[in-house]
Amino acid sequence: NTLKAIRDLAPEFVDLIHEMDQVILEAGAIDMKTKRLIALACVCVRSCEDCVYPQAKVAKNYGASKKEILEAIHVAVLTAGVPSWSIAKKGIIQLFDEWDQE
């Protein structure tokens, strides 16, 4: 698989990414829900459409409400413009549809 190939070619790179991931995977001064809401806004600002759903889903799993998720998107739109909403809407609609079926 791709990750194994990267690990074989550049194990130090994989180790570095793993170390950096610990910031978002462990509670610290900022609780996990808030970290994921921040990450959600960031992926919208960075135009990573495929990242929106997973970040929003994890934020939900850490207790974020629909209003909190939408407010994080609102912050992204305010800081990066309306294209952030265009990036976010597909993933948010998917999550909210699943949420409503629970």
C-alpha atoms as a PDB file:
ATOM      1  CA  ASN A   1       0.000   0.000   0.000  1.00  0.00           C
ATOM      2  CA  THR A   2       1.003   3.631  -0.317  1.00  0.00           C
ATOM      3  CA  LEU A   3       1.754   4.202   3.373  1.00  0.00           C
ATOM      4  CA  LYS A   4       4.075   1.180   3.465  1.00  0.00           C
ATOM      5  CA  ALA A   5       5.915   2.479   0.385  1.00  0.00           C
ATOM      6  CA  ILE A   6       6.347   5.887   2.018  1.00  0.00           C
ATOM      7  CA  ARG A   7       7.464   4.245   5.264  1.00  0.00           C
ATOM      8  CA  ASP A   8      10.019   2.141   3.364  1.00  0.00           C
ATOM      9  CA  LEU A   9      11.386   5.154   1.473  1.00  0.00           C
ATOM     10  CA  ALA A  10      11.273   7.764   4.235  1.00  0.00           C
ATOM     11  CA  PRO A  11      10.672   6.307   7.698  1.00  0.00           C
ATOM     12  CA  GLU A  12      11.744   9.552   9.366  1.00  0.00           C
ATOM     13  CA  PHE A  13       8.988  11.405   7.493  1.00  0.00           C
ATOM     14  CA  VAL A  14       6.349   8.955   8.749  1.00  0.00           C
ATOM     15  CA  ASP A  15       7.721   9.309  12.302  1.00  0.00           C
ATOM     16  CA  LEU A  16       7.551  13.109  12.037  1.00  0.00           C
ATOM     17  CA  ILE A  17       3.923  13.025  10.848  1.00  0.00           C
ATOM     18  CA  HIS A  18       3.040  10.628  13.687  1.00  0.00           C
ATOM     19  CA  GLU A  19       4.654  12.973  16.245  1.00  0.00           C
ATOM     20  CA  MET A  20       2.787  15.983  14.839  1.00  0.00           C
ATOM     21  CA  ASP A  21      -0.498  14.066  14.902  1.00  0.00           C
ATOM     22  CA  GLN A  22      -0.210  13.684  18.678  1.00  0.00           C
ATOM     23  CA  VAL A  23      -1.184  17.350  19.070  1.00  0.00           C
ATOM     24  CA  ILE A  24      -4.640  16.629  17.652  1.00  0.00           C
ATOM     25  CA  LEU A  25      -4.958  13.112  19.076  1.00  0.00           C
ATOM     26  CA  GLU A  26      -4.399  14.016  22.726  1.00  0.00           C
ATOM     27  CA  ALA A  27      -6.217  16.451  24.998  1.00  0.00           C
ATOM     28  CA  GLY A  28      -4.119  19.316  26.268  1.00  0.00           C
ATOM     29  CA  ALA A  29      -4.935  22.913  27.081  1.00  0.00           C
ATOM     30  CA  ILE A  30      -7.623  22.654  24.374  1.00  0.00           C
ATOM     31  CA  ASP A  31     -10.217  19.892  24.658  1.00  0.00           C
ATOM     32  CA  MET A  32     -10.623  17.343  21.881  1.00  0.00           C
ATOM     33  CA  LYS A  33     -13.953  18.671  20.599  1.00  0.00           C
ATOM     34  CA  THR A  34     -12.553  22.173  20.198  1.00  0.00           C
ATOM     35  CA  LYS A  35      -9.408  20.862  18.499  1.00  0.00           C
ATOM     36  CA  ARG A  36     -11.549  19.047  15.935  1.00  0.00           C
ATOM     37  CA  LEU A  37     -13.730  22.111  15.340  1.00  0.00           C
ATOM     38  CA  ILE A  38     -10.557  24.132  14.741  1.00  0.00           C
ATOM     39  CA  ALA A  39      -9.306  21.410  12.386  1.00  0.00           C
ATOM     40  CA  LEU A  40     -12.649  21.472  10.566  1.00  0.00           C
ATOM     41  CA  ALA A  41     -12.387  25.217   9.986  1.00  0.00           C
ATOM     42  CA  CYS A  42      -8.776  24.781   8.840  1.00  0.00           C
ATOM     43  CA  VAL A  43      -9.555  22.121   6.247  1.00  0.00           C
ATOM     44  CA  CYS A  44     -12.319  24.335   4.861  1.00  0.00           C
ATOM     45  CA  VAL A  45      -9.928  27.280   4.616  1.00  0.00           C
ATOM     46  CA  ARG A  46      -7.317  25.029   2.957  1.00  0.00           C
ATOM     47  CA  SER A  47      -9.936  23.809   0.439  1.00  0.00           C
ATOM     48  CA  CYS A  48      -9.615  20.134   1.335  1.00  0.00           C
ATOM     49  CA  GLU A  49     -13.082  18.932   0.382  1.00  0.00           C
ATOM     50  CA  ASP A  50     -12.312  15.287   1.201  1.00  0.00           C
ATOM     51  CA  CYS A  51     -11.192  16.304   4.707  1.00  0.00           C
ATOM     52  CA  VAL A  52     -14.413  18.061   5.770  1.00  0.00           C
ATOM     53  CA  TYR A  53     -16.578  15.009   6.449  1.00  0.00           C
ATOM     54  CA  PRO A  54     -13.975  13.121   8.530  1.00  0.00           C
ATOM     55  CA  GLN A  55     -13.120  16.181  10.629  1.00  0.00           C
ATOM     56  CA  ALA A  56     -16.789  17.019  11.184  1.00  0.00           C
ATOM     57  CA  LYS A  57     -17.560  13.387  12.045  1.00  0.00           C
ATOM     58  CA  VAL A  58     -14.789  13.243  14.635  1.00  0.00           C
ATOM     59  CA  ALA A  59     -15.944  16.583  16.086  1.00  0.00           C
ATOM     60  CA  LYS A  60     -19.444  15.099  16.391  1.00  0.00           C
ATOM     61  CA  ASN A  61     -18.002  12.007  18.061  1.00  0.00           C
ATOM     62  CA  TYR A  62     -16.322  14.285  20.612  1.00  0.00           C
ATOM     63  CA  GLY A  63     -19.684  15.903  21.364  1.00  0.00           C
ATOM     64  CA  ALA A  64     -19.940  18.797  18.910  1.00  0.00           C
ATOM     65  CA  SER A  65     -23.486  19.827  18.071  1.00  0.00           C
ATOM     66  CA  LYS A  66     -24.741  20.718  14.611  1.00  0.00           C
ATOM     67  CA  LYS A  67     -24.692  24.376  15.654  1.00  0.00           C
ATOM     68  CA  GLU A  68     -21.059  24.135  16.769  1.00  0.00           C
ATOM     69  CA  ILE A  69     -20.066  22.440  13.519  1.00  0.00           C
ATOM     70  CA  LEU A  70     -21.833  25.111  11.482  1.00  0.00           C
ATOM     71  CA  GLU A  71     -20.230  27.852  13.575  1.00  0.00           C
ATOM     72  CA  ALA A  72     -16.786  26.401  12.815  1.00  0.00           C
ATOM     73  CA  ILE A  73     -17.698  26.538   9.111  1.00  0.00           C
ATOM     74  CA  HIS A  74     -18.933  30.110   9.619  1.00  0.00           C
ATOM     75  CA  VAL A  75     -15.511  31.062  11.028  1.00  0.00           C
ATOM     76  CA  ALA A  76     -13.879  29.508   7.958  1.00  0.00           C
ATOM     77  CA  VAL A  77     -16.154  31.482   5.629  1.00  0.00           C
ATOM     78  CA  LEU A  78     -15.483  34.708   7.523  1.00  0.00           C
ATOM     79  CA  THR A  79     -11.732  34.235   7.357  1.00  0.00           C
ATOM     80  CA  ALA A  80     -11.330  32.681   3.912  1.00  0.00           C
ATOM     81  CA  GLY A  81     -14.454  33.674   2.012  1.00  0.00           C
ATOM     82  CA  VAL A  82     -17.469  31.946   0.528  1.00  0.00           C
ATOM     83  CA  PRO A  83     -15.418  29.305  -1.330  1.00  0.00           C
ATOM     84  CA  SER A  84     -14.904  27.708   2.093  1.00  0.00           C
ATOM     85  CA  TRP A  85     -18.643  27.004   2.202  1.00  0.00           C
ATOM     86  CA  SER A  86     -18.475  25.475  -1.261  1.00  0.00           C
ATOM     87  CA  ILE A  87     -15.754  23.148   0.011  1.00  0.00           C
ATOM     88  CA  ALA A  88     -17.615  22.307   3.234  1.00  0.00           C
ATOM     89  CA  LYS A  89     -21.204  21.788   2.142  1.00  0.00           C
ATOM     90  CA  LYS A  90     -20.904  18.283   0.630  1.00  0.00           C
ATOM     91  CA  GLY A  91     -19.263  16.799   3.729  1.00  0.00           C
ATOM     92  CA  ILE A  92     -21.546  18.649   6.139  1.00  0.00           C
ATOM     93  CA  ILE A  93     -24.679  17.578   4.256  1.00  0.00           C
ATOM     94  CA  GLN A  94     -23.450  13.966   4.307  1.00  0.00           C
ATOM     95  CA  LEU A  95     -22.787  14.086   8.059  1.00  0.00           C
ATOM     96  CA  PHE A  96     -26.072  15.802   8.910  1.00  0.00           C
ATOM     97  CA  ASP A  97     -28.041  13.325   6.761  1.00  0.00           C
ATOM     98  CA  GLU A  98     -26.410  10.424   8.637  1.00  0.00           C
ATOM     99  CA  TRP A  99     -26.997  12.198  11.946  1.00  0.00           C
ATOM    100  CA  ASP A 100     -30.710  12.626  11.209  1.00  0.00           C
ATOM    101  CA  GLN A 101     -31.033   8.900  10.468  1.00  0.00           C
ATOM    102  CA  GLU A 102     -29.607   7.843  13.850  1.00  0.00           C
END
